[in-house]
Amino acid sequence: MKTFTSYALCVLLAAASVTAQLSMRELTEITEDFRVRFDDLHDDKDGFISLTRVLTRAELKGLNEATLENLAIARNDIDDLLTETREDIASAILEPNANEACLLALVDTVIAEGRRAGEGMSSCAADKIAIKEGLGDEFRALTNTLQRIATAASEYTLYTFAIHNSFTDPEEHVEWLEENYENQLSFWDNVARPEAQEDLDNLEINRPALVEENRLCLEAVVTSLNTAMNTVRQQINSC
């Protein structure tokens, strides 16, 4: 009788212990709920990452197109200045008392100044190309990092079964899911997304300034060439 009483007590204690723990059915339901929540978080991240890539490409494309437009305008101005000066020299050579050697030396000066202007244009363009490529690399690194975070979120629930013994301690498994979901959500909402959005906003805000900086750089090249060509025209009369 005493043995039976002890045995019955053990059975009751075991039953109480099992009742206190989560059943596998309950754990499965909770895990499925977290799978859906992690998937939603993953989809939110994926959507933002796709938008980030589209906006980054658009901003860099806009920067590139505006820079090319600036270069085309400067190229036309430079060509006009050089052509006008060469025509003035050609007309002067036809004059009866022209010093041909003197005028041909001015032609060499025009060629040299044209080459210098071309180098100035290249320098202005190279500066913006470096900025554009740097921004592209920065945003590629950012979006790749965010993509890895998003992918990890979608795999969390599966990963948890590999690192937890759900049969012996299902509560710890659930606690881990809850903690990591909150950490993921907090990091995404408070760190990753705001920083990425700030970078995008800064790119949009700074693009006009970069374009204007490029325009001013090219304008300085044209102004310098114009000064040099005015000096050449003055020297034509002395030839």
Protein backbone atom coordinates (compact mmCIF):
# COMPACT_ATOMS: atom_id res chain seq x y z
CA MET A 1 0.00 0.00 0.00
CA LYS A 2 2.82 2.32 0.89
CA THR A 3 4.55 1.49 -2.37
CA PHE A 4 1.37 2.11 -4.34
CA THR A 5 0.85 5.46 -2.59
CA SER A 6 4.38 6.54 -3.45
CA TYR A 7 3.93 5.44 -7.03
CA ALA A 8 0.61 7.29 -7.35
CA LEU A 9 2.21 10.44 -5.91
CA CYS A 10 5.00 10.27 -8.46
CA VAL A 11 2.47 9.91 -11.29
CA LEU A 12 0.52 12.91 -10.03
CA LEU A 13 3.68 15.01 -9.76
CA ALA A 14 4.74 14.03 -13.28
CA ALA A 15 1.31 14.87 -14.63
CA ALA A 16 1.42 18.23 -12.91
CA SER A 17 4.84 18.89 -14.40
CA VAL A 18 3.67 18.04 -17.92
CA THR A 19 0.59 20.22 -17.46
CA ALA A 20 2.75 23.14 -16.36
CA GLN A 21 4.87 22.86 -19.47
CA LEU A 22 3.78 23.86 -22.93
CA SER A 23 2.50 21.03 -25.03
CA MET A 24 4.10 20.43 -28.40
CA ARG A 25 0.83 21.46 -30.03
CA GLU A 26 0.93 24.78 -28.17
CA LEU A 27 4.59 25.26 -29.03
CA THR A 28 3.83 24.55 -32.68
CA GLU A 29 1.03 27.13 -32.69
CA ILE A 30 3.24 29.76 -31.03
CA THR A 31 6.11 29.03 -33.38
CA GLU A 32 3.80 29.33 -36.38
CA ASP A 33 2.57 32.69 -35.08
CA PHE A 34 6.15 33.91 -34.82
CA ARG A 35 6.92 32.53 -38.27
CA VAL A 36 4.15 34.71 -39.68
CA ARG A 37 5.39 37.73 -37.71
CA PHE A 38 8.99 37.21 -38.81
CA ASP A 39 7.83 36.75 -42.41
CA ASP A 40 5.87 40.00 -42.24
CA LEU A 41 8.95 41.74 -40.88
CA HIS A 42 11.02 40.18 -43.66
CA ASP A 43 8.51 41.37 -46.28
CA ASP A 44 8.57 44.89 -44.80
CA LYS A 45 12.36 44.91 -44.94
CA ASP A 46 12.43 43.50 -48.46
CA GLY A 47 9.99 46.14 -49.66
CA PHE A 48 12.02 48.96 -48.16
CA ILE A 49 15.27 47.52 -49.55
CA SER A 50 13.76 47.35 -53.05
CA LEU A 51 12.57 50.94 -52.73
CA THR A 52 16.03 51.98 -51.50
CA ARG A 53 17.68 50.41 -54.54
CA VAL A 54 15.23 52.05 -56.95
CA LEU A 55 15.62 55.49 -55.37
CA THR A 56 19.40 55.19 -55.21
CA ARG A 57 19.61 54.27 -58.89
CA ALA A 58 17.27 57.17 -59.73
CA GLU A 59 19.31 59.69 -57.75
CA LEU A 60 22.61 58.50 -59.21
CA LYS A 61 21.07 58.50 -62.70
CA GLY A 62 19.87 62.05 -62.12
CA LEU A 63 23.33 63.09 -60.95
CA ASN A 64 24.92 61.46 -63.98
CA GLU A 65 22.51 63.05 -66.47
CA ALA A 66 22.87 66.51 -64.95
CA THR A 67 26.68 66.20 -64.97
CA LEU A 68 26.63 65.13 -68.62
CA GLU A 69 24.43 68.12 -69.47
CA ASN A 70 26.90 70.44 -67.72
CA LEU A 71 29.77 68.86 -69.65
CA ALA A 72 27.95 69.26 -72.96
CA ILE A 73 27.32 72.95 -72.32
CA ALA A 74 30.93 73.53 -71.32
CA ARG A 75 32.18 71.56 -74.33
CA ASN A 76 30.12 73.73 -76.69
CA ASP A 77 31.39 76.94 -75.06
CA ILE A 78 34.98 75.73 -75.30
CA ASP A 79 34.57 74.71 -78.94
CA ASP A 80 33.06 78.11 -79.78
CA LEU A 81 35.92 80.00 -78.13
CA LEU A 82 38.59 77.91 -79.85
CA THR A 83 36.86 78.08 -83.25
CA GLU A 84 36.40 81.84 -83.13
CA THR A 85 40.04 82.38 -82.19
CA ARG A 86 41.33 80.04 -84.89
CA GLU A 87 39.16 81.84 -87.45
CA ASP A 88 40.55 85.19 -86.33
CA ILE A 89 44.09 83.86 -86.76
CA ALA A 90 43.26 82.43 -90.20
CA SER A 91 41.84 85.78 -91.30
CA ALA A 92 44.94 87.58 -90.03
CA ILE A 93 47.27 85.27 -91.97
CA LEU A 94 45.59 86.40 -95.20
CA GLU A 95 46.55 90.01 -94.53
CA PRO A 96 49.38 91.27 -96.83
CA ASN A 97 51.76 92.30 -94.04
CA ALA A 98 50.99 89.36 -91.68
CA ASN A 99 53.82 87.78 -89.68
CA GLU A 100 53.02 84.15 -90.42
CA ALA A 101 55.50 82.71 -87.92
CA CYS A 102 54.04 84.90 -85.19
CA LEU A 103 50.49 83.86 -86.04
CA LEU A 104 51.38 80.17 -86.24
CA ALA A 105 52.89 80.46 -82.78
CA LEU A 106 49.52 81.74 -81.62
CA VAL A 107 47.92 78.67 -83.18
CA ASP A 108 50.18 76.55 -80.98
CA THR A 109 49.02 78.60 -78.00
CA VAL A 110 45.37 77.98 -78.92
CA ILE A 111 46.02 74.23 -79.18
CA ALA A 112 47.78 74.20 -75.81
CA GLU A 113 44.97 76.18 -74.13
CA GLY A 114 42.39 73.85 -75.71
CA ARG A 115 44.23 70.88 -74.29
CA ARG A 116 44.36 72.55 -70.87
CA ALA A 117 40.62 73.21 -71.01
CA GLY A 118 40.00 69.57 -71.87
CA GLU A 119 42.04 68.47 -68.87
CA GLY A 120 40.04 70.88 -66.72
CA MET A 121 36.78 69.35 -67.95
CA SER A 122 38.10 65.87 -67.21
CA SER A 123 39.06 66.93 -63.71
CA CYS A 124 35.58 68.34 -63.04
CA ALA A 125 33.97 65.16 -64.38
CA ALA A 126 36.34 62.83 -62.51
CA ASP A 127 35.42 64.52 -59.23
CA LYS A 128 31.73 63.80 -59.73
CA ILE A 129 32.39 60.30 -61.05
CA ALA A 130 34.33 59.53 -57.86
CA ILE A 131 31.49 60.90 -55.73
CA LYS A 132 28.88 58.96 -57.73
CA GLU A 133 30.82 55.70 -57.50
CA GLY A 134 31.47 56.27 -53.82
CA LEU A 135 27.76 56.81 -53.17
CA GLY A 136 26.94 53.75 -55.25
CA ASP A 137 29.35 51.58 -53.28
CA GLU A 138 28.05 52.96 -49.99
CA PHE A 139 24.43 52.23 -50.83
CA ARG A 140 25.25 48.81 -52.24
CA ALA A 141 26.96 47.93 -48.96
CA LEU A 142 24.01 49.31 -46.99
CA THR A 143 21.34 47.46 -48.98
CA ASN A 144 23.35 44.23 -48.92
CA THR A 145 23.58 44.46 -45.12
CA LEU A 146 19.86 45.14 -44.83
CA GLN A 147 19.17 42.24 -47.17
CA ARG A 148 21.16 39.86 -44.97
CA ILE A 149 19.20 41.09 -41.94
CA ALA A 150 15.92 40.58 -43.77
CA THR A 151 16.88 37.08 -44.91
CA ALA A 152 17.94 36.15 -41.39
CA ALA A 153 14.56 37.27 -40.08
CA SER A 154 12.75 34.95 -42.46
CA GLU A 155 14.83 31.99 -41.25
CA TYR A 156 14.61 32.62 -37.51
CA THR A 157 11.81 30.23 -36.63
CA LEU A 158 13.47 27.35 -38.48
CA TYR A 159 16.81 28.22 -36.92
CA THR A 160 15.36 28.09 -33.40
CA PHE A 161 14.62 24.36 -33.67
CA ALA A 162 18.29 23.75 -34.45
CA ILE A 163 19.55 25.49 -31.30
CA HIS A 164 16.84 24.62 -28.76
CA ASN A 165 15.64 21.37 -27.23
CA SER A 166 11.95 22.04 -27.62
CA PHE A 167 10.93 18.79 -25.90
CA THR A 168 12.68 19.45 -22.60
CA ASP A 169 12.34 23.25 -22.40
CA PRO A 170 9.67 24.65 -24.76
CA GLU A 171 9.21 27.76 -22.58
CA GLU A 172 12.83 28.77 -23.15
CA HIS A 173 12.29 28.28 -26.88
CA VAL A 174 9.30 30.64 -26.84
CA GLU A 175 11.14 33.19 -24.70
CA TRP A 176 13.99 33.17 -27.20
CA LEU A 177 11.57 33.77 -30.07
CA GLU A 178 9.88 36.64 -28.24
CA GLU A 179 13.16 38.29 -27.29
CA ASN A 180 14.68 38.01 -30.74
CA TYR A 181 11.57 39.21 -32.51
CA GLU A 182 11.45 42.30 -30.31
CA ASN A 183 15.17 42.88 -30.86
CA GLN A 184 14.76 42.53 -34.64
CA LEU A 185 11.76 44.84 -34.68
CA SER A 186 13.47 47.44 -32.50
CA PHE A 187 16.68 47.36 -34.54
CA TRP A 188 14.78 47.70 -37.80
CA ASP A 189 12.45 50.48 -36.64
CA ASN A 190 14.96 52.44 -34.56
CA VAL A 191 18.34 51.90 -36.23
CA ALA A 192 18.54 50.32 -39.69
CA ARG A 193 15.53 51.89 -41.40
CA PRO A 194 16.01 55.45 -40.02
CA GLU A 195 19.70 55.45 -40.96
CA ALA A 196 18.98 54.17 -44.47
CA GLN A 197 16.20 56.73 -44.91
CA GLU A 198 18.51 59.50 -43.70
CA ASP A 199 21.14 58.49 -46.25
CA LEU A 200 18.52 58.51 -49.01
CA ASP A 201 17.24 61.92 -47.92
CA ASN A 202 20.77 63.30 -47.84
CA LEU A 203 21.44 61.99 -51.34
CA GLU A 204 18.28 63.66 -52.64
CA ILE A 205 19.10 66.92 -50.84
CA ASN A 206 22.76 66.98 -51.87
CA ARG A 207 22.30 66.08 -55.56
CA PRO A 208 21.45 69.66 -56.67
CA ALA A 209 24.47 70.96 -54.73
CA LEU A 210 26.73 68.39 -56.40
CA VAL A 211 25.38 69.32 -59.83
CA GLU A 212 25.89 73.03 -59.13
CA GLU A 213 29.40 72.37 -57.87
CA ASN A 214 30.15 70.57 -61.12
CA ARG A 215 28.68 73.45 -63.15
CA LEU A 216 30.81 76.01 -61.32
CA CYS A 217 33.91 73.89 -61.83
CA LEU A 218 33.28 73.76 -65.58
CA GLU A 219 32.37 77.43 -65.67
CA ALA A 220 35.76 78.25 -64.18
CA VAL A 221 37.42 76.21 -66.94
CA VAL A 222 35.51 78.13 -69.64
CA THR A 223 36.28 81.48 -67.99
CA SER A 224 39.98 80.67 -67.85
CA LEU A 225 39.97 79.68 -71.53
CA ASN A 226 38.07 82.84 -72.46
CA THR A 227 40.73 84.94 -70.73
CA ALA A 228 43.49 83.09 -72.57
CA MET A 229 41.73 83.52 -75.94
CA ASN A 230 41.24 87.25 -75.32
CA THR A 231 44.99 87.50 -74.79
CA VAL A 232 45.59 85.63 -78.06
CA ARG A 233 43.26 87.99 -79.95
CA GLN A 234 45.15 90.97 -78.62
CA GLN A 235 48.41 89.43 -79.78
CA ILE A 236 47.02 88.87 -83.28
CA ASN A 237 47.18 92.60 -83.95
CA SER A 238 50.87 92.66 -83.08
CA CYS A 239 51.58 89.92 -85.62
